[in-house]
Amino acid sequence: MYDYFSPFEAHKHAIKGTIYYGHSGIQEIVVAETHNFGRCLILDNEFQSFELDEFIYHEALVQPGLILHPNPETIAIIGGGEGAALREVLHHKTVNKATMVDIDEKVVECAGKYLPTFHNGSFTDKRTVLTFGDGRKFIEDSDDAFDAVIMDITCPLEEGPSYKLFTREFYELVRQKLTPHGLLSIQASTTSPVALKTYTVLYKTLKDVFPNVFPYAAYVPSFALLWGFCLATNDIDPAQIGREEIDRRISERVSGKLRFYDGITHQALFNLPKYIRKALKEQTHINRDNKPLMEQYPGLAEKE
């Protein structure tokens, strides 16, 4: 099966067989078995994550923020239907409430049945609260104050359900619902030189809302791409905590074994290549509700 990164580039994964196929009324859902990377979740013909290496993506998304926070207790996850981001949150002994909000209940149902290594029982953990609906409305209506909000949603495509969760207005809503040391962690698309605009615009948009925004990236083999993330905070700086302190916090606060993230990996994540740093510095566009940026593809990016 081809995963079209753009109209001009595709990544191919050989499929052994289809485990589940259906349509929720929101999106097409496929759970398949691949030859190299095990089971995978596919939404609207877009690969989401793979059994063999999803731990890289999900640890990169969740662990830096929660380890940097002094005492994360109340967490919101927007998206993350396969349950892997929730699994990573629940590794933290300090967490007493983890609310996962997904627009598509059918995705969570399928993950519960067919992707057990992804969620690892997290859906039934006593600290978990599952909510189904629009993530933006949840943030608007919630009475909770969150130590961390984690955005594990599909990229901002016009025909997709998530593009209004990448705007300045939404990020301002999130900031208002954070505790004083609270933080926002997002997946922010690829950092490929031919499709870098989405990443840089999301970074710039966060910078217009939060006093501190830290871009970082991790290579995900099944994507064959260096994948971008951003961490937005009021008062936490990843550079101010050394690798020994990162490892100490993991040892004291995390149950189970992490496979990707530790003190050395932390330093690598936040030291981006020069071309990315340059593009981040030069970006001026801010993503807004009334003029959202849809994900830019090679050869189709709008001219400046």
C-alpha atoms as a PDB file:
ATOM      1  CA  MET A   1       0.000   0.000   0.000  1.00  0.00           C
ATOM      2  CA  TYR A   2       1.247   3.483  -0.866  1.00  0.00           C
ATOM      3  CA  ASP A   3       1.248   6.297   1.682  1.00  0.00           C
ATOM      4  CA  TYR A   4       1.265   9.453  -0.412  1.00  0.00           C
ATOM      5  CA  PHE A   5       3.464  11.993   1.287  1.00  0.00           C
ATOM      6  CA  SER A   6       2.683  14.302  -1.631  1.00  0.00           C
ATOM      7  CA  PRO A   7       1.363  14.014  -5.190  1.00  0.00           C
ATOM      8  CA  PHE A   8       4.995  13.456  -6.170  1.00  0.00           C
ATOM      9  CA  GLU A   9       6.283  11.110  -3.449  1.00  0.00           C
ATOM     10  CA  ALA A  10       4.968   7.924  -1.862  1.00  0.00           C
ATOM     11  CA  HIS A  11       6.175   5.517   0.792  1.00  0.00           C
ATOM     12  CA  LYS A  12       5.207   1.896   0.224  1.00  0.00           C
ATOM     13  CA  HIS A  13       4.453  -0.732   2.867  1.00  0.00           C
ATOM     14  CA  ALA A  14       3.714  -4.309   1.851  1.00  0.00           C
ATOM     15  CA  ILE A  15       0.503  -5.501   3.504  1.00  0.00           C
ATOM     16  CA  LYS A  16       0.167  -9.101   4.670  1.00  0.00           C
ATOM     17  CA  GLY A  17      -3.543  -8.764   5.276  1.00  0.00           C
ATOM     18  CA  THR A  18      -6.393  -6.562   6.436  1.00  0.00           C
ATOM     19  CA  ILE A  19      -7.544  -7.151  10.002  1.00  0.00           C
ATOM     20  CA  TYR A  20     -10.342  -4.581  10.020  1.00  0.00           C
ATOM     21  CA  TYR A  21     -11.937  -2.324   7.423  1.00  0.00           C
ATOM     22  CA  GLY A  22     -14.834   0.056   7.983  1.00  0.00           C
ATOM     23  CA  HIS A  23     -16.114   3.617   7.944  1.00  0.00           C
ATOM     24  CA  SER A  24     -17.197   5.385  11.102  1.00  0.00           C
ATOM     25  CA  GLY A  25     -19.161   8.121   9.373  1.00  0.00           C
ATOM     26  CA  ILE A  26     -16.245  10.435  10.118  1.00  0.00           C
ATOM     27  CA  GLN A  27     -13.383   8.638   8.420  1.00  0.00           C
ATOM     28  CA  GLU A  28     -12.304   5.366   6.838  1.00  0.00           C
ATOM     29  CA  ILE A  29     -10.592   3.060   9.338  1.00  0.00           C
ATOM     30  CA  VAL A  30      -8.235   0.216   8.467  1.00  0.00           C
ATOM     31  CA  VAL A  31      -6.173  -1.991  10.741  1.00  0.00           C
ATOM     32  CA  ALA A  32      -3.671  -3.964   8.685  1.00  0.00           C
ATOM     33  CA  GLU A  33      -0.701  -6.282   9.163  1.00  0.00           C
ATOM     34  CA  THR A  34       2.458  -5.178   7.354  1.00  0.00           C
ATOM     35  CA  HIS A  35       5.446  -7.351   6.517  1.00  0.00           C
ATOM     36  CA  ASN A  36       8.118  -5.170   8.161  1.00  0.00           C
ATOM     37  CA  PHE A  37       6.410  -3.078  10.839  1.00  0.00           C
ATOM     38  CA  GLY A  38       3.649  -5.274  12.240  1.00  0.00           C
ATOM     39  CA  ARG A  39       0.132  -3.995  12.714  1.00  0.00           C
ATOM     40  CA  CYS A  40      -0.768  -0.463  11.731  1.00  0.00           C
ATOM     41  CA  LEU A  41      -3.658   1.976  11.894  1.00  0.00           C
ATOM     42  CA  ILE A  42      -4.695   3.705   8.659  1.00  0.00           C
ATOM     43  CA  LEU A  43      -7.212   6.581   8.646  1.00  0.00           C
ATOM     44  CA  ASP A  44      -8.530   7.908   5.338  1.00  0.00           C
ATOM     45  CA  ASN A  45      -5.656   6.180   3.507  1.00  0.00           C
ATOM     46  CA  GLU A  46      -3.050   7.848   5.740  1.00  0.00           C
ATOM     47  CA  PHE A  47      -0.792   5.615   7.852  1.00  0.00           C
ATOM     48  CA  GLN A  48      -0.952   6.747  11.484  1.00  0.00           C
ATOM     49  CA  SER A  49       1.426   4.483  13.392  1.00  0.00           C
ATOM     50  CA  PHE A  50       3.030   1.062  13.234  1.00  0.00           C
ATOM     51  CA  GLU A  51       3.458  -1.611  15.878  1.00  0.00           C
ATOM     52  CA  LEU A  52       7.229  -1.954  15.514  1.00  0.00           C
ATOM     53  CA  ASP A  53       8.221   1.686  16.017  1.00  0.00           C
ATOM     54  CA  GLU A  54       5.203   3.603  17.359  1.00  0.00           C
ATOM     55  CA  PHE A  55       7.047   3.839  20.676  1.00  0.00           C
ATOM     56  CA  ILE A  56       9.472   6.325  19.087  1.00  0.00           C
ATOM     57  CA  TYR A  57       6.747   8.723  18.021  1.00  0.00           C
ATOM     58  CA  HIS A  58       4.644   8.401  21.173  1.00  0.00           C
ATOM     59  CA  GLU A  59       7.507   8.651  23.659  1.00  0.00           C
ATOM     60  CA  ALA A  60       8.797  11.690  21.761  1.00  0.00           C
ATOM     61  CA  LEU A  61       5.363  13.304  21.890  1.00  0.00           C
ATOM     62  CA  VAL A  62       4.623  12.638  25.561  1.00  0.00           C
ATOM     63  CA  GLN A  63       7.725  12.026  27.640  1.00  0.00           C
ATOM     64  CA  PRO A  64       9.765  15.259  27.286  1.00  0.00           C
ATOM     65  CA  GLY A  65       6.919  17.449  28.498  1.00  0.00           C
ATOM     66  CA  LEU A  66       5.846  15.239  31.390  1.00  0.00           C
ATOM     67  CA  ILE A  67       9.414  14.688  32.562  1.00  0.00           C
ATOM     68  CA  LEU A  68      10.140  18.427  32.435  1.00  0.00           C
ATOM     69  CA  HIS A  69       6.991  19.251  34.416  1.00  0.00           C
ATOM     70  CA  PRO A  70       7.679  19.232  38.179  1.00  0.00           C
ATOM     71  CA  ASN A  71       4.579  17.209  39.098  1.00  0.00           C
ATOM     72  CA  PRO A  72       2.147  16.297  36.282  1.00  0.00           C
ATOM     73  CA  GLU A  73      -1.167  15.141  37.736  1.00  0.00           C
ATOM     74  CA  THR A  74      -4.030  16.117  35.413  1.00  0.00           C
ATOM     75  CA  ILE A  75      -3.527  15.498  31.694  1.00  0.00           C
ATOM     76  CA  ALA A  76      -5.678  15.948  28.591  1.00  0.00           C
ATOM     77  CA  ILE A  77      -4.956  14.088  25.355  1.00  0.00           C
ATOM     78  CA  ILE A  78      -6.699  15.349  22.238  1.00  0.00           C
ATOM     79  CA  GLY A  79      -6.847  12.567  19.664  1.00  0.00           C
ATOM     80  CA  GLY A  80      -4.622   9.556  20.164  1.00  0.00           C
ATOM     81  CA  GLY A  81      -7.322   7.029  19.347  1.00  0.00           C
ATOM     82  CA  GLU A  82      -4.984   4.024  19.274  1.00  0.00           C
ATOM     83  CA  GLY A  83      -4.253   4.600  22.977  1.00  0.00           C
ATOM     84  CA  ALA A  84      -0.460   4.784  22.759  1.00  0.00           C
ATOM     85  CA  ALA A  85      -0.158   8.411  23.899  1.00  0.00           C
ATOM     86  CA  LEU A  86      -2.453   7.535  26.800  1.00  0.00           C
ATOM     87  CA  ARG A  87      -0.225   4.554  27.597  1.00  0.00           C
ATOM     88  CA  GLU A  88       2.792   6.863  27.792  1.00  0.00           C
ATOM     89  CA  VAL A  89       0.977   9.326  30.058  1.00  0.00           C
ATOM     90  CA  LEU A  90      -0.043   6.538  32.428  1.00  0.00           C
ATOM     91  CA  HIS A  91       3.585   5.479  32.863  1.00  0.00           C
ATOM     92  CA  HIS A  92       3.855   8.500  35.176  1.00  0.00           C
ATOM     93  CA  LYS A  93       3.189   7.702  38.818  1.00  0.00           C
ATOM     94  CA  THR A  94       2.176  11.300  39.554  1.00  0.00           C
ATOM     95  CA  VAL A  95      -0.732  11.246  37.083  1.00  0.00           C
ATOM     96  CA  ASN A  96      -4.095  10.820  38.790  1.00  0.00           C
ATOM     97  CA  LYS A  97      -6.396  11.765  35.888  1.00  0.00           C
ATOM     98  CA  ALA A  98      -5.847  11.351  32.157  1.00  0.00           C
ATOM     99  CA  THR A  99      -8.702  12.463  29.928  1.00  0.00           C
ATOM    100  CA  MET A 100      -8.509  11.293  26.325  1.00  0.00           C
ATOM    101  CA  VAL A 101     -10.777  13.082  23.857  1.00  0.00           C
ATOM    102  CA  ASP A 102     -11.196  11.579  20.401  1.00  0.00           C
ATOM    103  CA  ILE A 103     -13.682  12.630  17.770  1.00  0.00           C
ATOM    104  CA  ASP A 104     -14.173   9.060  16.572  1.00  0.00           C
ATOM    105  CA  GLU A 105     -15.337   6.422  19.042  1.00  0.00           C
ATOM    106  CA  LYS A 106     -15.000   3.731  16.388  1.00  0.00           C
ATOM    107  CA  VAL A 107     -11.221   4.269  16.180  1.00  0.00           C
ATOM    108  CA  VAL A 108     -10.903   3.656  19.917  1.00  0.00           C
ATOM    109  CA  GLU A 109     -13.133   0.591  19.675  1.00  0.00           C
ATOM    110  CA  CYS A 110     -11.000  -0.851  16.864  1.00  0.00           C
ATOM    111  CA  ALA A 111      -7.775  -0.090  18.709  1.00  0.00           C
ATOM    112  CA  GLY A 112      -9.116  -1.758  21.819  1.00  0.00           C
ATOM    113  CA  LYS A 113      -9.801  -4.945  19.859  1.00  0.00           C
ATOM    114  CA  TYR A 114      -6.995  -5.062  17.315  1.00  0.00           C
ATOM    115  CA  LEU A 115      -4.074  -2.974  18.619  1.00  0.00           C
ATOM    116  CA  PRO A 116      -3.412  -4.314  22.132  1.00  0.00           C
ATOM    117  CA  THR A 117       0.302  -3.486  22.149  1.00  0.00           C
ATOM    118  CA  PHE A 118      -0.517   0.137  21.352  1.00  0.00           C
ATOM    119  CA  HIS A 119      -2.860   0.846  24.265  1.00  0.00           C
ATOM    120  CA  ASN A 120      -1.530  -1.856  26.614  1.00  0.00           C
ATOM    121  CA  GLY A 121      -4.716  -1.759  28.684  1.00  0.00           C
ATOM    122  CA  SER A 122      -4.683   2.018  29.117  1.00  0.00           C
ATOM    123  CA  PHE A 123      -8.343   2.414  28.122  1.00  0.00           C
ATOM    124  CA  THR A 124      -9.428   0.555  31.258  1.00  0.00           C
ATOM    125  CA  ASP A 125      -6.950   2.117  33.689  1.00  0.00           C
ATOM    126  CA  LYS A 126      -8.779   3.641  36.678  1.00  0.00           C
ATOM    127  CA  ARG A 127      -7.132   7.005  35.997  1.00  0.00           C
ATOM    128  CA  THR A 128      -8.455   7.158  32.428  1.00  0.00           C
ATOM    129  CA  VAL A 129     -11.485   9.185  31.375  1.00  0.00           C
ATOM    130  CA  LEU A 130     -12.570   8.550  27.771  1.00  0.00           C
ATOM    131  CA  THR A 131     -14.574  11.282  26.051  1.00  0.00           C
ATOM    132  CA  PHE A 132     -15.807  11.288  22.470  1.00  0.00           C
ATOM    133  CA  GLY A 133     -16.405  14.488  20.578  1.00  0.00           C
ATOM    134  CA  ASP A 134     -14.730  17.607  19.294  1.00  0.00           C
ATOM    135  CA  GLY A 135     -11.436  18.355  21.037  1.00  0.00           C
ATOM    136  CA  ARG A 136     -11.837  22.096  20.748  1.00  0.00           C
ATOM    137  CA  LYS A 137     -15.281  22.052  22.342  1.00  0.00           C
ATOM    138  CA  PHE A 138     -13.901  19.878  25.143  1.00  0.00           C
ATOM    139  CA  ILE A 139     -11.201  22.437  25.924  1.00  0.00           C
ATOM    140  CA  GLU A 140     -13.719  25.291  25.753  1.00  0.00           C
ATOM    141  CA  ASP A 141     -16.172  23.570  28.106  1.00  0.00           C
ATOM    142  CA  SER A 142     -13.810  21.849  30.547  1.00  0.00           C
ATOM    143  CA  ASP A 143     -13.719  23.007  34.158  1.00  0.00           C
ATOM    144  CA  ASP A 144     -10.389  21.256  34.743  1.00  0.00           C
ATOM    145  CA  ALA A 145      -7.009  22.945  34.807  1.00  0.00           C
ATOM    146  CA  PHE A 146      -4.419  20.784  33.074  1.00  0.00           C
ATOM    147  CA  ASP A 147      -0.760  20.234  33.832  1.00  0.00           C
ATOM    148  CA  ALA A 148      -0.312  19.104  30.242  1.00  0.00           C
ATOM    149  CA  VAL A 149      -2.358  19.028  27.066  1.00  0.00           C
ATOM    150  CA  ILE A 150      -1.058  16.597  24.446  1.00  0.00           C
ATOM    151  CA  MET A 151      -2.202  16.905  20.845  1.00  0.00           C
ATOM    152  CA  ASP A 152      -2.010  13.583  18.984  1.00  0.00           C
ATOM    153  CA  ILE A 153      -4.185  14.404  15.998  1.00  0.00           C
ATOM    154  CA  THR A 154      -4.003  14.072  12.241  1.00  0.00           C
ATOM    155  CA  CYS A 155      -2.311  16.819  10.247  1.00  0.00           C
ATOM    156  CA  PRO A 156      -4.346  19.895   9.234  1.00  0.00           C
ATOM    157  CA  LEU A 157      -5.924  18.842   5.965  1.00  0.00           C
ATOM    158  CA  GLU A 158      -8.951  20.758   4.692  1.00  0.00           C
ATOM    159  CA  GLU A 159     -11.045  17.634   4.263  1.00  0.00           C
ATOM    160  CA  GLY A 160      -9.989  16.233   7.649  1.00  0.00           C
ATOM    161  CA  PRO A 161     -11.570  16.741  11.085  1.00  0.00           C
ATOM    162  CA  SER A 162      -8.659  18.431  12.862  1.00  0.00           C
ATOM    163  CA  TYR A 163      -7.539  21.604  11.095  1.00  0.00           C
ATOM    164  CA  LYS A 164      -9.174  23.983  13.620  1.00  0.00           C
ATOM    165  CA  LEU A 165      -7.038  22.431  16.359  1.00  0.00           C
ATOM    166  CA  PHE A 166      -3.918  24.020  14.884  1.00  0.00           C
ATOM    167  CA  THR A 167      -4.857  27.716  15.038  1.00  0.00           C
ATOM    168  CA  ARG A 168      -3.857  30.627  17.242  1.00  0.00           C
ATOM    169  CA  GLU A 169      -7.379  30.831  18.650  1.00  0.00           C
ATOM    170  CA  PHE A 170      -7.303  27.205  19.745  1.00  0.00           C
ATOM    171  CA  TYR A 171      -3.840  27.476  21.286  1.00  0.00           C
ATOM    172  CA  GLU A 172      -5.046  30.485  23.284  1.00  0.00           C
ATOM    173  CA  LEU A 173      -7.951  28.397  24.607  1.00  0.00           C
ATOM    174  CA  VAL A 174      -5.481  25.728  25.701  1.00  0.00           C
ATOM    175  CA  ARG A 175      -3.186  28.254  27.391  1.00  0.00           C
ATOM    176  CA  GLN A 176      -6.101  29.533  29.464  1.00  0.00           C
ATOM    177  CA  LYS A 177      -6.827  26.001  30.740  1.00  0.00           C
ATOM    178  CA  LEU A 178      -3.262  25.215  31.859  1.00  0.00           C
ATOM    179  CA  THR A 179      -1.955  25.304  35.421  1.00  0.00           C
ATOM    180  CA  PRO A 180       0.882  27.781  36.168  1.00  0.00           C
ATOM    181  CA  HIS A 181       3.537  25.214  35.163  1.00  0.00           C
ATOM    182  CA  GLY A 182       1.316  23.712  32.478  1.00  0.00           C
ATOM    183  CA  LEU A 183       2.472  22.844  28.978  1.00  0.00           C
ATOM    184  CA  LEU A 184       1.213  21.930  25.542  1.00  0.00           C
ATOM    185  CA  SER A 185       2.857  19.232  23.425  1.00  0.00           C
ATOM    186  CA  ILE A 186       1.895  18.789  19.766  1.00  0.00           C
ATOM    187  CA  GLN A 187       2.860  16.678  16.788  1.00  0.00           C
ATOM    188  CA  ALA A 188       3.637  19.189  14.073  1.00  0.00           C
ATOM    189  CA  SER A 189       4.117  17.259  10.810  1.00  0.00           C
ATOM    190  CA  THR A 190       7.289  16.489   8.903  1.00  0.00           C
ATOM    191  CA  THR A 191      10.513  18.487   8.918  1.00  0.00           C
ATOM    192  CA  SER A 192      11.430  17.412   5.389  1.00  0.00           C
ATOM    193  CA  PRO A 193      13.031  20.297   3.457  1.00  0.00           C
ATOM    194  CA  VAL A 194      10.441  19.912   0.702  1.00  0.00           C
ATOM    195  CA  ALA A 195       7.436  20.192   3.043  1.00  0.00           C
ATOM    196  CA  LEU A 196       8.625  22.259   5.981  1.00  0.00           C
ATOM    197  CA  LYS A 197       6.041  25.040   5.957  1.00  0.00           C
ATOM    198  CA  THR A 198       3.438  23.310   8.136  1.00  0.00           C
ATOM    199  CA  TYR A 199       5.996  22.741  10.886  1.00  0.00           C
ATOM    200  CA  THR A 200       7.343  26.283  10.821  1.00  0.00           C
ATOM    201  CA  VAL A 201       3.884  27.878  10.740  1.00  0.00           C
ATOM    202  CA  LEU A 202       2.694  25.840  13.719  1.00  0.00           C
ATOM    203  CA  TYR A 203       5.830  26.840  15.632  1.00  0.00           C
ATOM    204  CA  LYS A 204       5.298  30.510  14.776  1.00  0.00           C
ATOM    205  CA  THR A 205       1.629  30.285  15.768  1.00  0.00           C
ATOM    206  CA  LEU A 206       2.508  28.809  19.156  1.00  0.00           C
ATOM    207  CA  LYS A 207       5.137  31.538  19.642  1.00  0.00           C
ATOM    208  CA  ASP A 208       2.384  34.129  19.266  1.00  0.00           C
ATOM    209  CA  VAL A 209       0.554  32.612  22.261  1.00  0.00           C
ATOM    210  CA  PHE A 210       3.137  31.097  24.631  1.00  0.00           C
ATOM    211  CA  PRO A 211       6.227  32.791  26.096  1.00  0.00           C
ATOM    212  CA  ASN A 212       8.358  29.681  25.513  1.00  0.00           C
ATOM    213  CA  VAL A 213       8.118  27.332  22.524  1.00  0.00           C
ATOM    214  CA  PHE A 214      10.664  24.600  21.866  1.00  0.00           C
ATOM    215  CA  PRO A 215      10.720  22.773  18.522  1.00  0.00           C
ATOM    216  CA  TYR A 216      12.141  19.255  18.381  1.00  0.00           C
ATOM    217  CA  ALA A 217      12.128  16.220  16.126  1.00  0.00           C
ATOM    218  CA  ALA A 218      12.553  12.443  16.058  1.00  0.00           C
ATOM    219  CA  TYR A 219      13.244  10.124  13.141  1.00  0.00           C
ATOM    220  CA  VAL A 220      10.436   7.575  12.721  1.00  0.00           C
ATOM    221  CA  PRO A 221      11.588   4.653  10.516  1.00  0.00           C
ATOM    222  CA  SER A 222       8.126   3.606   9.322  1.00  0.00           C
ATOM    223  CA  PHE A 223       7.507   7.163   8.121  1.00  0.00           C
ATOM    224  CA  ALA A 224      11.039   7.403   6.646  1.00  0.00           C
ATOM    225  CA  LEU A 225      10.934  10.994   7.894  1.00  0.00           C
ATOM    226  CA  LEU A 226      12.259  13.212  10.648  1.00  0.00           C
ATOM    227  CA  TRP A 227       9.008  14.058  12.421  1.00  0.00           C
ATOM    228  CA  GLY A 228       8.432  17.414  14.070  1.00  0.00           C
ATOM    229  CA  PHE A 229       7.018  18.257  17.488  1.00  0.00           C
ATOM    230  CA  CYS A 230       6.653  21.430  19.532  1.00  0.00           C
ATOM    231  CA  LEU A 231       6.559  21.955  23.288  1.00  0.00           C
ATOM    232  CA  ALA A 232       4.926  25.196  24.479  1.00  0.00           C
ATOM    233  CA  THR A 233       5.270  26.321  28.098  1.00  0.00           C
ATOM    234  CA  ASN A 234       4.905  29.282  30.394  1.00  0.00           C
ATOM    235  CA  ASP A 235       8.075  28.763  32.405  1.00  0.00           C
ATOM    236  CA  ILE A 236       9.821  25.475  31.566  1.00  0.00           C
ATOM    237  CA  ASP A 237      12.973  25.309  29.431  1.00  0.00           C
ATOM    238  CA  PRO A 238      14.227  21.880  28.241  1.00  0.00           C
ATOM    239  CA  ALA A 239      17.784  23.216  28.011  1.00  0.00           C
ATOM    240  CA  GLN A 240      17.873  24.008  31.728  1.00  0.00           C
ATOM    241  CA  ILE A 241      17.569  20.372  32.811  1.00  0.00           C
ATOM    242  CA  GLY A 242      20.600  18.167  32.225  1.00  0.00           C
ATOM    243  CA  ARG A 243      20.630  14.572  31.078  1.00  0.00           C
ATOM    244  CA  GLU A 244      21.445  13.235  34.558  1.00  0.00           C
ATOM    245  CA  GLU A 245      18.373  14.986  35.979  1.00  0.00           C
ATOM    246  CA  ILE A 246      16.231  13.645  33.132  1.00  0.00           C
ATOM    247  CA  ASP A 247      17.390  10.103  33.923  1.00  0.00           C
ATOM    248  CA  ARG A 248      16.810  10.628  37.647  1.00  0.00           C
ATOM    249  CA  ARG A 249      13.241  11.783  37.046  1.00  0.00           C
ATOM    250  CA  ILE A 250      12.563   8.838  34.750  1.00  0.00           C
ATOM    251  CA  SER A 251      13.878   6.433  37.386  1.00  0.00           C
ATOM    252  CA  GLU A 252      11.787   7.975  40.158  1.00  0.00           C
ATOM    253  CA  ARG A 253       8.592   8.919  38.350  1.00  0.00           C
ATOM    254  CA  VAL A 254       8.071   6.480  35.463  1.00  0.00           C
ATOM    255  CA  SER A 255       6.746   2.956  35.898  1.00  0.00           C
ATOM    256  CA  GLY A 256       7.891   0.404  33.353  1.00  0.00           C
ATOM    257  CA  LYS A 257      10.711   0.801  30.852  1.00  0.00           C
ATOM    258  CA  LEU A 258      11.006   3.495  28.218  1.00  0.00           C
ATOM    259  CA  ARG A 259      12.516   2.282  24.948  1.00  0.00           C
ATOM    260  CA  PHE A 260      13.356   5.573  23.249  1.00  0.00           C
ATOM    261  CA  TYR A 261      13.529   8.537  25.611  1.00  0.00           C
ATOM    262  CA  ASP A 262      16.252   9.217  28.182  1.00  0.00           C
ATOM    263  CA  GLY A 263      18.660  12.003  29.077  1.00  0.00           C
ATOM    264  CA  ILE A 264      20.903  11.552  26.052  1.00  0.00           C
ATOM    265  CA  THR A 265      17.944  11.270  23.667  1.00  0.00           C
ATOM    266  CA  HIS A 266      16.456  14.419  25.214  1.00  0.00           C
ATOM    267  CA  GLN A 267      19.514  16.411  24.175  1.00  0.00           C
ATOM    268  CA  ALA A 268      19.368  15.013  20.645  1.00  0.00           C
ATOM    269  CA  LEU A 269      15.664  15.789  20.237  1.00  0.00           C
ATOM    270  CA  PHE A 270      16.016  19.495  20.954  1.00  0.00           C
ATOM    271  CA  ASN A 271      19.152  20.092  18.867  1.00  0.00           C
ATOM    272  CA  LEU A 272      17.699  20.510  15.398  1.00  0.00           C
ATOM    273  CA  PRO A 273      19.582  20.650  12.088  1.00  0.00           C
ATOM    274  CA  LYS A 274      20.601  24.055  10.786  1.00  0.00           C
ATOM    275  CA  TYR A 275      18.123  24.147   7.878  1.00  0.00           C
ATOM    276  CA  ILE A 276      15.206  23.674  10.277  1.00  0.00           C
ATOM    277  CA  ARG A 277      16.429  26.336  12.693  1.00  0.00           C
ATOM    278  CA  LYS A 278      16.799  28.770   9.800  1.00  0.00           C
ATOM    279  CA  ALA A 279      13.297  28.076   8.485  1.00  0.00           C
ATOM    280  CA  LEU A 280      11.777  28.459  11.953  1.00  0.00           C
ATOM    281  CA  LYS A 281      13.484  31.801  12.426  1.00  0.00           C
ATOM    282  CA  GLU A 282      12.338  33.126   9.052  1.00  0.00           C
ATOM    283  CA  GLN A 283       8.676  32.066   9.252  1.00  0.00           C
ATOM    284  CA  THR A 284       6.206  34.937   9.809  1.00  0.00           C
ATOM    285  CA  HIS A 285       2.790  33.379   9.106  1.00  0.00           C
ATOM    286  CA  ILE A 286       0.387  32.806  12.008  1.00  0.00           C
ATOM    287  CA  ASN A 287      -2.346  30.208  11.569  1.00  0.00           C
ATOM    288  CA  ARG A 288      -5.829  31.572  12.331  1.00  0.00           C
ATOM    289  CA  ASP A 289      -9.389  30.293  12.351  1.00  0.00           C
ATOM    290  CA  ASN A 290     -10.419  32.520   9.466  1.00  0.00           C
ATOM    291  CA  LYS A 291      -7.387  31.629   7.367  1.00  0.00           C
ATOM    292  CA  PRO A 292      -6.067  28.210   8.377  1.00  0.00           C
ATOM    293  CA  LEU A 293      -3.014  26.783   6.692  1.00  0.00           C
ATOM    294  CA  MET A 294      -3.624  23.344   5.254  1.00  0.00           C
ATOM    295  CA  GLU A 295      -0.689  20.956   5.101  1.00  0.00           C
ATOM    296  CA  GLN A 296       1.629  21.976   2.294  1.00  0.00           C
ATOM    297  CA  TYR A 297       2.864  19.387  -0.164  1.00  0.00           C
ATOM    298  CA  PRO A 298       6.017  19.538  -2.282  1.00  0.00           C
ATOM    299  CA  GLY A 299       5.346  21.410  -5.490  1.00  0.00           C
ATOM    300  CA  LEU A 300       2.000  22.694  -4.216  1.00  0.00           C
ATOM    301  CA  ALA A 301       3.140  25.119  -1.535  1.00  0.00           C
ATOM    302  CA  GLU A 302       1.765  28.600  -2.005  1.00  0.00           C
ATOM    303  CA  LYS A 303       4.233  31.156  -3.310  1.00  0.00           C
ATOM    304  CA  GLU A 304       5.430  33.767  -0.846  1.00  0.00           C
END
